[in-house]
Amino acid sequence: MIGVPHPKWDERPAAYVVPVSHTSLDPEELRSFLSEHVAKWWVPEDWFVVSEIPRTSVGKLDKNRLRELHRDIADRQ
């Protein structure tokens, strides 16, 4: 999950998820699950299914590359 620009709130979370093989992801189900476990402002409005999450050389999530990916997606919309 990364923070992305939002016109009203300055920034909101966006989720990038990798599905387990041969499964489908329903953003509404994911949103419903999270809403039972975290504050509602933490629940992402935008969900993106990707084949892999970019990682740094030490294996951490590469949030900078995810933000670049998000900008590319936003530019195409």
N, C-alpha and C. Protein backbone atom coordinates (compact mmCIF):
# COMPACT_ATOMS: atom_id res chain seq x y z
N MET A 1 0.85 -1.15 0.00
CA MET A 1 0.00 0.00 0.00
C MET A 1 0.91 1.24 0.00
N ILE A 2 0.51 2.21 -0.79
CA ILE A 2 1.25 3.47 -0.85
C ILE A 2 0.27 4.63 -0.75
N GLY A 3 0.78 5.79 -0.36
CA GLY A 3 -0.02 6.99 -0.38
C GLY A 3 0.07 7.64 -1.75
N VAL A 4 -1.07 8.03 -2.29
CA VAL A 4 -1.09 8.68 -3.60
C VAL A 4 -1.88 9.99 -3.49
N PRO A 5 -1.58 10.94 -4.36
CA PRO A 5 -2.28 12.24 -4.30
C PRO A 5 -3.79 12.09 -4.42
N HIS A 6 -4.50 12.92 -3.67
CA HIS A 6 -5.96 12.94 -3.69
C HIS A 6 -6.41 14.39 -3.66
N PRO A 7 -7.38 14.77 -4.50
CA PRO A 7 -7.77 16.18 -4.58
C PRO A 7 -8.37 16.74 -3.29
N LYS A 8 -9.07 15.94 -2.54
CA LYS A 8 -9.73 16.43 -1.33
C LYS A 8 -8.86 16.24 -0.08
N TRP A 9 -8.24 15.08 0.05
CA TRP A 9 -7.53 14.73 1.28
C TRP A 9 -6.01 14.85 1.16
N ASP A 10 -5.52 15.40 0.08
CA ASP A 10 -4.08 15.52 -0.20
C ASP A 10 -3.47 14.17 -0.53
N GLU A 11 -3.75 13.15 0.28
CA GLU A 11 -3.18 11.83 0.02
C GLU A 11 -4.12 10.76 0.57
N ARG A 12 -4.23 9.66 -0.17
CA ARG A 12 -5.05 8.51 0.24
C ARG A 12 -4.27 7.24 -0.09
N PRO A 13 -4.58 6.14 0.61
CA PRO A 13 -3.88 4.90 0.30
C PRO A 13 -4.38 4.26 -0.99
N ALA A 14 -3.46 3.65 -1.71
CA ALA A 14 -3.79 2.83 -2.88
C ALA A 14 -3.11 1.48 -2.65
N ALA A 15 -3.82 0.42 -2.93
CA ALA A 15 -3.30 -0.92 -2.68
C ALA A 15 -2.89 -1.58 -3.99
N TYR A 16 -1.73 -2.19 -3.95
CA TYR A 16 -1.24 -3.01 -5.06
C TYR A 16 -1.14 -4.43 -4.52
N VAL A 17 -1.84 -5.35 -5.16
CA VAL A 17 -1.90 -6.72 -4.66
C VAL A 17 -1.51 -7.70 -5.75
N VAL A 18 -0.91 -8.81 -5.31
CA VAL A 18 -0.54 -9.90 -6.21
C VAL A 18 -1.42 -11.08 -5.83
N PRO A 19 -2.27 -11.54 -6.74
CA PRO A 19 -3.13 -12.68 -6.41
C PRO A 19 -2.34 -13.98 -6.33
N VAL A 20 -2.82 -14.87 -5.48
CA VAL A 20 -2.27 -16.21 -5.42
C VAL A 20 -2.68 -16.91 -6.72
N SER A 21 -1.86 -17.80 -7.20
CA SER A 21 -2.12 -18.49 -8.46
C SER A 21 -3.55 -19.01 -8.56
N HIS A 22 -4.16 -18.78 -9.69
CA HIS A 22 -5.49 -19.30 -10.03
C HIS A 22 -6.59 -18.79 -9.10
N THR A 23 -6.43 -17.58 -8.59
CA THR A 23 -7.50 -16.98 -7.80
C THR A 23 -7.84 -15.63 -8.40
N SER A 24 -9.02 -15.16 -8.10
CA SER A 24 -9.40 -13.82 -8.53
C SER A 24 -9.57 -12.95 -7.29
N LEU A 25 -9.34 -11.68 -7.46
CA LEU A 25 -9.47 -10.75 -6.35
C LEU A 25 -10.65 -9.82 -6.60
N ASP A 26 -11.48 -9.67 -5.60
CA ASP A 26 -12.60 -8.76 -5.68
C ASP A 26 -12.31 -7.58 -4.75
N PRO A 27 -12.09 -6.39 -5.30
CA PRO A 27 -11.79 -5.24 -4.46
C PRO A 27 -12.82 -4.99 -3.37
N GLU A 28 -14.09 -5.25 -3.66
CA GLU A 28 -15.12 -5.04 -2.64
C GLU A 28 -14.94 -5.99 -1.45
N GLU A 29 -14.57 -7.24 -1.73
CA GLU A 29 -14.32 -8.19 -0.65
C GLU A 29 -13.10 -7.77 0.16
N LEU A 30 -12.06 -7.32 -0.52
CA LEU A 30 -10.86 -6.86 0.18
C LEU A 30 -11.17 -5.63 1.03
N ARG A 31 -11.93 -4.71 0.47
CA ARG A 31 -12.32 -3.50 1.19
C ARG A 31 -13.15 -3.85 2.42
N SER A 32 -14.08 -4.78 2.26
CA SER A 32 -14.93 -5.21 3.37
C SER A 32 -14.09 -5.86 4.48
N PHE A 33 -13.16 -6.72 4.09
CA PHE A 33 -12.30 -7.38 5.07
C PHE A 33 -11.49 -6.34 5.85
N LEU A 34 -10.86 -5.41 5.13
CA LEU A 34 -10.03 -4.41 5.80
C LEU A 34 -10.85 -3.50 6.70
N SER A 35 -12.06 -3.16 6.29
CA SER A 35 -12.88 -2.23 7.08
C SER A 35 -13.22 -2.80 8.45
N GLU A 36 -13.14 -4.11 8.60
CA GLU A 36 -13.38 -4.75 9.90
C GLU A 36 -12.13 -4.76 10.77
N HIS A 37 -10.97 -4.43 10.19
CA HIS A 37 -9.72 -4.56 10.92
C HIS A 37 -8.93 -3.27 11.10
N VAL A 38 -9.23 -2.25 10.31
CA VAL A 38 -8.48 -0.99 10.39
C VAL A 38 -9.46 0.19 10.34
N ALA A 39 -8.95 1.36 10.68
CA ALA A 39 -9.77 2.58 10.59
C ALA A 39 -10.21 2.80 9.15
N LYS A 40 -11.39 3.38 8.98
CA LYS A 40 -11.94 3.50 7.62
C LYS A 40 -11.09 4.37 6.71
N TRP A 41 -10.37 5.34 7.26
CA TRP A 41 -9.54 6.18 6.39
C TRP A 41 -8.27 5.47 5.94
N TRP A 42 -7.99 4.28 6.49
CA TRP A 42 -6.86 3.47 6.03
C TRP A 42 -7.24 2.55 4.88
N VAL A 43 -8.53 2.36 4.67
CA VAL A 43 -8.99 1.43 3.63
C VAL A 43 -8.82 2.11 2.26
N PRO A 44 -8.06 1.50 1.36
CA PRO A 44 -7.82 2.11 0.04
C PRO A 44 -9.09 2.22 -0.79
N GLU A 45 -9.17 3.30 -1.55
CA GLU A 45 -10.24 3.46 -2.53
C GLU A 45 -9.85 2.76 -3.83
N ASP A 46 -8.57 2.78 -4.13
CA ASP A 46 -8.07 2.21 -5.39
C ASP A 46 -7.30 0.93 -5.11
N TRP A 47 -7.62 -0.10 -5.90
CA TRP A 47 -6.95 -1.40 -5.79
C TRP A 47 -6.42 -1.76 -7.17
N PHE A 48 -5.18 -2.21 -7.22
CA PHE A 48 -4.55 -2.57 -8.47
C PHE A 48 -3.96 -3.97 -8.35
N VAL A 49 -4.29 -4.82 -9.29
CA VAL A 49 -3.74 -6.17 -9.32
C VAL A 49 -2.51 -6.15 -10.21
N VAL A 50 -1.39 -6.60 -9.67
CA VAL A 50 -0.13 -6.63 -10.41
C VAL A 50 0.47 -8.02 -10.33
N SER A 51 1.37 -8.32 -11.24
CA SER A 51 1.98 -9.65 -11.24
C SER A 51 3.07 -9.79 -10.19
N GLU A 52 3.70 -8.66 -9.83
CA GLU A 52 4.69 -8.69 -8.76
C GLU A 52 4.84 -7.30 -8.17
N ILE A 53 5.27 -7.26 -6.92
CA ILE A 53 5.53 -6.01 -6.23
C ILE A 53 7.01 -5.70 -6.36
N PRO A 54 7.36 -4.51 -6.83
CA PRO A 54 8.79 -4.19 -6.96
C PRO A 54 9.44 -4.12 -5.57
N ARG A 55 10.66 -4.61 -5.50
CA ARG A 55 11.39 -4.63 -4.23
C ARG A 55 12.75 -3.97 -4.40
N THR A 56 13.28 -3.48 -3.28
CA THR A 56 14.62 -2.89 -3.28
C THR A 56 15.66 -4.01 -3.27
N SER A 57 16.92 -3.64 -3.29
CA SER A 57 17.99 -4.64 -3.29
C SER A 57 18.04 -5.46 -2.00
N VAL A 58 17.45 -4.94 -0.93
CA VAL A 58 17.44 -5.69 0.33
C VAL A 58 16.10 -6.38 0.58
N GLY A 59 15.20 -6.34 -0.41
CA GLY A 59 13.95 -7.08 -0.33
C GLY A 59 12.76 -6.31 0.22
N LYS A 60 12.94 -5.04 0.55
CA LYS A 60 11.81 -4.24 1.03
C LYS A 60 10.96 -3.79 -0.16
N LEU A 61 9.70 -3.44 0.13
CA LEU A 61 8.84 -2.90 -0.92
C LEU A 61 9.45 -1.61 -1.45
N ASP A 62 9.51 -1.48 -2.74
CA ASP A 62 10.07 -0.29 -3.36
C ASP A 62 8.93 0.69 -3.63
N LYS A 63 8.62 1.51 -2.62
CA LYS A 63 7.49 2.42 -2.73
C LYS A 63 7.72 3.48 -3.80
N ASN A 64 8.96 3.86 -4.05
CA ASN A 64 9.22 4.83 -5.11
C ASN A 64 8.82 4.27 -6.47
N ARG A 65 9.18 3.02 -6.73
CA ARG A 65 8.77 2.40 -8.01
C ARG A 65 7.27 2.21 -8.07
N LEU A 66 6.63 1.89 -6.94
CA LEU A 66 5.17 1.77 -6.93
C LEU A 66 4.52 3.11 -7.24
N ARG A 67 5.07 4.20 -6.69
CA ARG A 67 4.53 5.52 -6.99
C ARG A 67 4.70 5.86 -8.48
N GLU A 68 5.85 5.49 -9.05
CA GLU A 68 6.05 5.69 -10.50
C GLU A 68 5.02 4.91 -11.29
N LEU A 69 4.79 3.65 -10.90
CA LEU A 69 3.79 2.81 -11.55
C LEU A 69 2.42 3.47 -11.45
N HIS A 70 2.12 4.01 -10.28
CA HIS A 70 0.82 4.65 -10.08
C HIS A 70 0.67 5.89 -10.97
N ARG A 71 1.74 6.68 -11.08
CA ARG A 71 1.69 7.86 -11.96
C ARG A 71 1.46 7.43 -13.40
N ASP A 72 2.13 6.34 -13.83
CA ASP A 72 1.93 5.84 -15.19
C ASP A 72 0.48 5.42 -15.42
N ILE A 73 -0.09 4.74 -14.44
CA ILE A 73 -1.49 4.30 -14.55
C ILE A 73 -2.41 5.51 -14.59
N ALA A 74 -2.16 6.48 -13.72
CA ALA A 74 -3.01 7.69 -13.66
C ALA A 74 -2.92 8.48 -14.96
N ASP A 75 -1.73 8.52 -15.56
CA ASP A 75 -1.57 9.26 -16.82
C ASP A 75 -2.36 8.61 -17.96
N ARG A 76 -2.53 7.29 -17.90
CA ARG A 76 -3.26 6.58 -18.96
C ARG A 76 -4.78 6.72 -18.81
N GLN A 77 -5.24 7.11 -17.63
CA GLN A 77 -6.70 7.19 -17.41
C GLN A 77 -7.25 8.50 -17.79
